[in-house]
Amino acid sequence: MGTGETAAAWRLFVVNWIALGAVAAAFGAALLLTGFSVAPRAAIIGGGFVAVYGGFSFFNAFAVKRRDPQVVFVLGNTAQIVLITLLMAPFTYVAAAANFPMADAKLLAIDQFLGLDWLGYVTFVNERPLLATWLDFGYMMIRWPLFIIPVALAASGKFRRLQVYTLAFLIALIVTTIISTMIPAIGVYQQLGVSVTDFQNLNPIAYLGQLRDLPLVRNGSLRALDLDLLSGIITFPSFHAASALLYGWALWGSPWFRPVAIIANLAMLAATPITGGHYFIDVVAGLAVAAVAIVIAKEISRHVAAARFEEPVAAPATS
């Protein structure tokens, strides 16, 4: 990798921090303008993690004798990804309080129009316990790539791709939150009038969290948010589906991780209608959001890389 590519990655890295600062300001304003609050314990722990990782990242970037771009970007992008989740998870709750009309009936109608049989699919998986177990594990894979991707991309010198991935992740989550605010839904179990107990081999934990929290947010009962207890309350588009494409794109250029990424992300996609109680159209929409987010992030990266301005004296350089 040339010094120019590392410098371009550094500039986009700074842009990502600026974007996160704007999101943090928007979230703070949203809390001030609504009745929501965030429990301090988890916020302090999470914020401390971001501060430590982000602080060491910038310290290494500007310490000439120990400057190492791998350290800078592994620590810095991990801090950015954690901060994205710390901000956007509660932000989805605040946004859901807008109380737009529920769209479950319309989403189910789209699935049925396309000839997609959710009940048949879920029944098929439920009758195969081993498959159900593996898909449940696949759904939980949304967590680990958040920490694996910065290490994998930085270790292989793909610093700029790491920045594009981080920005695309933020864009996709923002867009998903906005759309789900305007098109809220609880999930297909409820819409079809079936109970999760009807499927003894399934563990739709994400759907149950949605079923518990979304009505309380909409009726005003839930306003004190504990980051440790938050569940995903986004149905359409599915952010699990968006994450699968984002993770797959990020790791596609890494021969060692590509096969694992393909298998894990396909499992996550297959599990999304089951564990998350998603309509099939949620998955399609999530994939579309991720694709658009990647295109936008790549375009921003291209403009940032082509920008002509003086680099910071201690911008990371290749070792």
Protein backbone atom coordinates (compact mmCIF):
# COMPACT_ATOMS: atom_id res chain seq x y z
CA MET A 1 0.00 0.00 0.00
CA GLY A 2 1.30 3.44 -0.89
CA THR A 3 1.50 6.39 1.44
CA GLY A 4 -1.17 8.14 -0.64
CA GLU A 5 -3.70 5.39 0.06
CA THR A 6 -2.94 5.50 3.77
CA ALA A 7 -3.36 9.28 3.76
CA ALA A 8 -6.69 8.92 1.93
CA ALA A 9 -7.81 6.40 4.53
CA TRP A 10 -6.81 8.81 7.29
CA ARG A 11 -8.86 11.62 5.76
CA LEU A 12 -11.92 9.41 5.48
CA PHE A 13 -11.29 8.19 9.04
CA VAL A 14 -11.52 11.82 10.20
CA VAL A 15 -14.67 12.32 8.11
CA ASN A 16 -16.21 9.33 9.88
CA TRP A 17 -15.50 10.94 13.26
CA ILE A 18 -17.10 14.18 12.07
CA ALA A 19 -20.19 12.27 10.90
CA LEU A 20 -20.39 10.51 14.27
CA GLY A 21 -20.11 13.84 16.04
CA ALA A 22 -23.11 15.07 14.05
CA VAL A 23 -25.10 11.93 14.96
CA ALA A 24 -24.17 12.36 18.63
CA ALA A 25 -25.35 15.99 18.53
CA ALA A 26 -28.61 14.95 16.88
CA PHE A 27 -29.16 12.24 19.48
CA GLY A 28 -28.47 14.65 22.31
CA ALA A 29 -30.95 17.12 20.85
CA ALA A 30 -33.53 14.34 20.47
CA LEU A 31 -33.19 13.46 24.15
CA LEU A 32 -33.61 17.10 25.15
CA LEU A 33 -36.72 17.49 23.00
CA THR A 34 -38.43 14.27 24.10
CA GLY A 35 -39.13 12.51 27.35
CA PHE A 36 -36.49 9.86 26.73
CA SER A 37 -33.48 9.32 28.98
CA VAL A 38 -30.55 6.90 28.94
CA ALA A 39 -29.40 5.02 32.04
CA PRO A 40 -25.89 6.22 32.82
CA ARG A 41 -24.10 2.99 33.79
CA ALA A 42 -23.99 1.26 30.39
CA ALA A 43 -23.55 4.60 28.62
CA ILE A 44 -20.50 5.41 30.76
CA ILE A 45 -18.98 1.97 30.22
CA GLY A 46 -19.56 2.11 26.48
CA GLY A 47 -18.40 5.70 26.26
CA GLY A 48 -15.29 4.82 28.22
CA PHE A 49 -14.48 2.03 25.79
CA VAL A 50 -14.83 4.43 22.85
CA ALA A 51 -12.72 7.07 24.59
CA VAL A 52 -9.90 4.64 25.40
CA TYR A 53 -9.77 3.04 21.98
CA GLY A 54 -10.23 6.33 20.14
CA GLY A 55 -7.70 8.08 22.36
CA PHE A 56 -4.99 5.46 21.82
CA SER A 57 -5.74 5.54 18.10
CA PHE A 58 -5.10 9.29 17.82
CA PHE A 59 -2.15 9.11 20.20
CA ASN A 60 -0.51 6.52 17.97
CA ALA A 61 -1.33 8.54 14.86
CA PHE A 62 0.43 11.64 16.14
CA ALA A 63 3.29 9.96 18.00
CA VAL A 64 5.94 9.99 15.29
CA LYS A 65 8.23 7.36 16.81
CA ARG A 66 5.54 4.74 17.32
CA ARG A 67 3.14 5.57 14.50
CA ASP A 68 1.59 2.39 13.09
CA PRO A 69 -1.42 2.60 10.73
CA GLN A 70 -2.60 -0.86 11.73
CA VAL A 71 -2.87 0.18 15.38
CA VAL A 72 -4.46 3.50 14.43
CA PHE A 73 -7.19 1.99 12.30
CA VAL A 74 -7.90 -1.17 14.33
CA LEU A 75 -8.41 0.83 17.51
CA GLY A 76 -10.01 3.83 15.84
CA ASN A 77 -12.50 1.97 13.66
CA THR A 78 -13.45 -0.38 16.49
CA ALA A 79 -14.21 2.72 18.57
CA GLN A 80 -16.27 4.16 15.72
CA ILE A 81 -18.33 0.99 15.24
CA VAL A 82 -19.03 0.72 18.97
CA LEU A 83 -20.04 4.39 19.08
CA ILE A 84 -22.39 3.87 16.13
CA THR A 85 -24.22 1.13 18.01
CA LEU A 86 -24.24 3.10 21.27
CA LEU A 87 -25.90 6.05 19.54
CA MET A 88 -28.18 4.39 17.02
CA ALA A 89 -29.64 1.61 19.19
CA PRO A 90 -31.42 4.06 21.54
CA PHE A 91 -32.03 6.45 18.63
CA THR A 92 -34.27 3.81 17.03
CA TYR A 93 -36.45 3.90 20.16
CA VAL A 94 -36.71 7.68 20.12
CA ALA A 95 -37.58 7.62 16.42
CA ALA A 96 -40.22 4.89 16.86
CA ALA A 97 -42.13 7.19 19.24
CA ALA A 98 -43.18 9.20 16.16
CA ASN A 99 -46.09 6.74 16.06
CA PHE A 100 -46.66 6.41 12.32
CA PRO A 101 -49.42 3.94 11.37
CA MET A 102 -48.39 0.30 11.63
CA ALA A 103 -47.56 -1.30 8.28
CA ASP A 104 -47.68 -5.04 9.10
CA ALA A 105 -50.69 -5.72 6.90
CA LYS A 106 -49.06 -4.03 3.90
CA LEU A 107 -45.76 -5.84 4.36
CA LEU A 108 -47.50 -9.20 4.61
CA ALA A 109 -49.55 -8.37 1.52
CA ILE A 110 -46.34 -7.72 -0.43
CA ASP A 111 -44.93 -11.09 0.64
CA GLN A 112 -48.13 -12.82 -0.40
CA PHE A 113 -48.24 -10.95 -3.72
CA LEU A 114 -44.73 -12.22 -4.42
CA GLY A 115 -45.82 -15.76 -3.57
CA LEU A 116 -43.54 -16.02 -0.53
CA ASP A 117 -44.85 -18.46 2.10
CA TRP A 118 -43.42 -17.40 5.45
CA LEU A 119 -45.39 -19.96 7.46
CA GLY A 120 -44.26 -22.77 5.20
CA TYR A 121 -40.63 -21.68 5.51
CA VAL A 122 -40.73 -21.41 9.30
CA THR A 123 -42.49 -24.75 9.61
CA PHE A 124 -39.85 -26.38 7.39
CA VAL A 125 -37.04 -25.09 9.63
CA ASN A 126 -38.89 -25.94 12.86
CA GLU A 127 -39.22 -29.56 11.74
CA ARG A 128 -35.42 -29.80 11.41
CA PRO A 129 -33.94 -29.08 14.87
CA LEU A 130 -30.31 -29.11 13.73
CA LEU A 131 -31.04 -26.60 10.98
CA ALA A 132 -32.99 -24.45 13.45
CA THR A 133 -30.03 -24.45 15.86
CA TRP A 134 -27.56 -23.45 13.18
CA LEU A 135 -29.77 -20.66 11.89
CA ASP A 136 -30.25 -19.35 15.41
CA PHE A 137 -26.46 -19.25 15.75
CA GLY A 138 -26.22 -17.55 12.37
CA TYR A 139 -28.59 -14.78 13.45
CA MET A 140 -26.34 -13.97 16.40
CA MET A 141 -23.37 -13.55 14.05
CA ILE A 142 -24.30 -9.88 13.67
CA ARG A 143 -22.12 -9.10 16.71
CA TRP A 144 -18.73 -10.68 16.02
CA PRO A 145 -17.84 -9.12 12.65
CA LEU A 146 -18.08 -5.70 14.30
CA PHE A 147 -14.78 -6.51 16.01
CA ILE A 148 -13.32 -8.92 13.46
CA ILE A 149 -13.57 -6.67 10.40
CA PRO A 150 -11.29 -3.84 11.67
CA VAL A 151 -8.63 -6.40 12.58
CA ALA A 152 -8.95 -8.36 9.32
CA LEU A 153 -8.88 -5.33 7.02
CA ALA A 154 -6.16 -3.45 8.89
CA ALA A 155 -3.96 -6.55 9.12
CA SER A 156 -4.12 -6.91 5.33
CA GLY A 157 -3.47 -3.20 4.74
CA LYS A 158 -6.97 -2.44 3.44
CA PHE A 159 -7.24 0.76 5.45
CA ARG A 160 -9.36 2.67 2.97
CA ARG A 161 -11.82 -0.20 2.54
CA LEU A 162 -12.18 -0.27 6.33
CA GLN A 163 -13.15 3.40 6.34
CA VAL A 164 -15.67 2.87 3.53
CA TYR A 165 -17.19 -0.06 5.42
CA THR A 166 -17.50 1.98 8.63
CA LEU A 167 -19.15 4.88 6.82
CA ALA A 168 -21.48 2.54 4.92
CA PHE A 169 -22.45 0.86 8.20
CA LEU A 170 -23.38 4.24 9.68
CA ILE A 171 -25.30 5.34 6.57
CA ALA A 172 -27.20 2.04 6.38
CA LEU A 173 -28.23 2.23 10.03
CA ILE A 174 -29.37 5.84 9.71
CA VAL A 175 -31.41 5.10 6.57
CA THR A 176 -32.87 1.96 8.14
CA THR A 177 -33.92 3.92 11.21
CA ILE A 178 -35.58 6.64 9.14
CA ILE A 179 -37.51 4.18 6.97
CA SER A 180 -38.58 2.02 9.90
CA THR A 181 -39.83 5.14 11.67
CA MET A 182 -42.16 5.91 8.76
CA ILE A 183 -43.07 2.25 8.13
CA PRO A 184 -43.21 0.66 11.60
CA ALA A 185 -44.14 -2.99 12.08
CA ILE A 186 -43.96 -5.59 14.82
CA GLY A 187 -43.44 -8.74 12.77
CA VAL A 188 -45.03 -11.57 10.93
CA TYR A 189 -45.81 -13.90 13.87
CA GLN A 190 -48.21 -11.35 15.26
CA GLN A 191 -49.69 -10.51 11.86
CA LEU A 192 -50.43 -14.14 11.04
CA GLY A 193 -51.84 -14.73 14.51
CA VAL A 194 -49.40 -17.52 15.39
CA SER A 195 -47.50 -17.88 18.64
CA VAL A 196 -43.79 -18.49 19.01
CA THR A 197 -44.72 -21.43 21.24
CA ASP A 198 -46.18 -23.13 18.17
CA PHE A 199 -42.60 -23.73 17.00
CA GLN A 200 -40.77 -25.63 19.74
CA ASN A 201 -37.40 -25.73 17.96
CA LEU A 202 -37.20 -22.03 17.18
CA ASN A 203 -35.88 -19.21 19.36
CA PRO A 204 -37.25 -15.92 17.94
CA ILE A 205 -35.61 -13.85 20.65
CA ALA A 206 -35.26 -10.72 18.52
CA TYR A 207 -38.94 -10.79 17.57
CA LEU A 208 -39.93 -11.17 21.23
CA GLY A 209 -37.88 -8.10 22.11
CA GLN A 210 -39.64 -6.17 19.37
CA LEU A 211 -43.02 -7.44 20.56
CA ARG A 212 -42.19 -6.31 24.10
CA ASP A 213 -40.66 -2.89 23.47
CA LEU A 214 -42.28 -1.35 20.39
CA PRO A 215 -45.83 -1.09 21.80
CA LEU A 216 -44.44 0.45 25.01
CA VAL A 217 -42.49 3.04 23.04
CA ARG A 218 -45.51 3.88 20.92
CA ASN A 219 -47.89 4.29 23.87
CA GLY A 220 -45.41 6.32 25.90
CA SER A 221 -44.77 3.76 28.66
CA LEU A 222 -41.12 3.21 27.79
CA ARG A 223 -39.00 6.34 27.98
CA ALA A 224 -36.08 5.30 30.26
CA LEU A 225 -33.62 3.39 28.10
CA ASP A 226 -30.99 1.00 29.44
CA LEU A 227 -28.43 0.20 26.73
CA ASP A 228 -27.90 -3.28 28.18
CA LEU A 229 -31.57 -4.15 27.75
CA LEU A 230 -32.38 -2.64 24.37
CA SER A 231 -33.67 -4.94 21.65
CA GLY A 232 -33.75 -4.27 17.95
CA ILE A 233 -37.11 -2.70 17.16
CA ILE A 234 -36.54 -2.27 13.44
CA THR A 235 -38.61 -4.54 11.20
CA PHE A 236 -38.63 -2.89 7.77
CA PRO A 237 -35.96 -2.79 6.39
CA SER A 238 -34.09 -5.55 8.20
CA PHE A 239 -30.75 -4.33 9.50
CA HIS A 240 -29.64 -7.93 9.94
CA ALA A 241 -30.01 -8.32 6.18
CA ALA A 242 -28.18 -5.04 5.61
CA SER A 243 -25.40 -6.18 7.95
CA ALA A 244 -24.98 -9.46 6.09
CA LEU A 245 -24.25 -7.60 2.85
CA LEU A 246 -22.04 -5.02 4.55
CA TYR A 247 -19.98 -7.72 6.28
CA GLY A 248 -19.72 -9.79 3.13
CA TRP A 249 -18.56 -6.80 1.09
CA ALA A 250 -16.02 -5.76 3.72
CA LEU A 251 -14.42 -9.21 3.90
CA TRP A 252 -14.72 -10.15 0.23
CA GLY A 253 -11.16 -9.08 -0.51
CA SER A 254 -9.72 -11.20 2.31
CA PRO A 255 -9.12 -14.76 1.02
CA TRP A 256 -8.87 -16.18 4.55
CA PHE A 257 -12.15 -14.66 5.72
CA ARG A 258 -14.21 -14.78 2.52
CA PRO A 259 -15.46 -18.41 2.86
CA VAL A 260 -16.39 -17.89 6.51
CA ALA A 261 -18.09 -14.58 5.66
CA ILE A 262 -20.16 -16.20 2.91
CA ILE A 263 -21.37 -19.06 5.10
CA ALA A 264 -22.02 -16.93 8.19
CA ASN A 265 -23.83 -14.16 6.34
CA LEU A 266 -25.99 -16.53 4.32
CA ALA A 267 -26.97 -18.19 7.60
CA MET A 268 -27.81 -14.78 9.06
CA LEU A 269 -29.98 -13.97 6.05
CA ALA A 270 -31.76 -17.32 6.24
CA ALA A 271 -32.40 -16.83 9.98
CA THR A 272 -33.70 -13.28 9.73
CA PRO A 273 -37.36 -14.12 8.92
CA ILE A 274 -37.37 -16.66 11.77
CA THR A 275 -35.44 -15.25 14.71
CA GLY A 276 -36.36 -11.66 13.92
CA GLY A 277 -39.92 -12.38 12.83
CA HIS A 278 -39.24 -10.47 9.62
CA TYR A 279 -41.27 -10.42 6.45
CA PHE A 280 -39.33 -11.51 3.39
CA ILE A 281 -39.67 -8.02 1.95
CA ASP A 282 -37.80 -6.74 5.02
CA VAL A 283 -34.80 -8.81 3.94
CA VAL A 284 -34.96 -7.55 0.36
CA ALA A 285 -35.22 -3.95 1.55
CA GLY A 286 -32.33 -4.41 3.99
CA LEU A 287 -30.09 -5.71 1.21
CA ALA A 288 -31.08 -2.76 -0.97
CA VAL A 289 -30.27 -0.27 1.80
CA ALA A 290 -26.84 -1.83 2.32
CA ALA A 291 -26.07 -1.77 -1.41
CA VAL A 292 -26.99 1.90 -1.64
CA ALA A 293 -25.00 2.71 1.51
CA ILE A 294 -21.89 1.06 0.05
CA VAL A 295 -22.24 3.01 -3.19
CA ILE A 296 -22.66 6.31 -1.30
CA ALA A 297 -19.72 5.56 1.02
CA LYS A 298 -17.48 4.65 -1.91
CA GLU A 299 -18.42 7.87 -3.69
CA ILE A 300 -17.67 9.92 -0.59
CA SER A 301 -14.36 8.07 -0.29
CA ARG A 302 -13.51 8.91 -3.88
CA HIS A 303 -14.13 12.61 -3.32
CA VAL A 304 -12.22 12.63 -0.03
CA ALA A 305 -9.26 10.83 -1.60
CA ALA A 306 -9.18 13.35 -4.45
CA ALA A 307 -9.39 16.35 -2.12
CA ARG A 308 -6.42 18.71 -2.24
CA PHE A 309 -5.60 20.05 1.17
CA GLU A 310 -2.61 19.89 3.48
CA GLU A 311 -2.30 16.69 5.48
CA PRO A 312 -1.77 16.82 9.25
CA VAL A 313 1.94 16.58 10.05
CA ALA A 314 1.37 13.36 11.98
CA ALA A 315 -1.09 11.65 9.69
CA PRO A 316 -0.44 7.89 9.79
CA ALA A 317 2.22 6.69 7.42
CA THR A 318 3.05 3.21 6.28
CA SER A 319 5.64 1.41 8.33
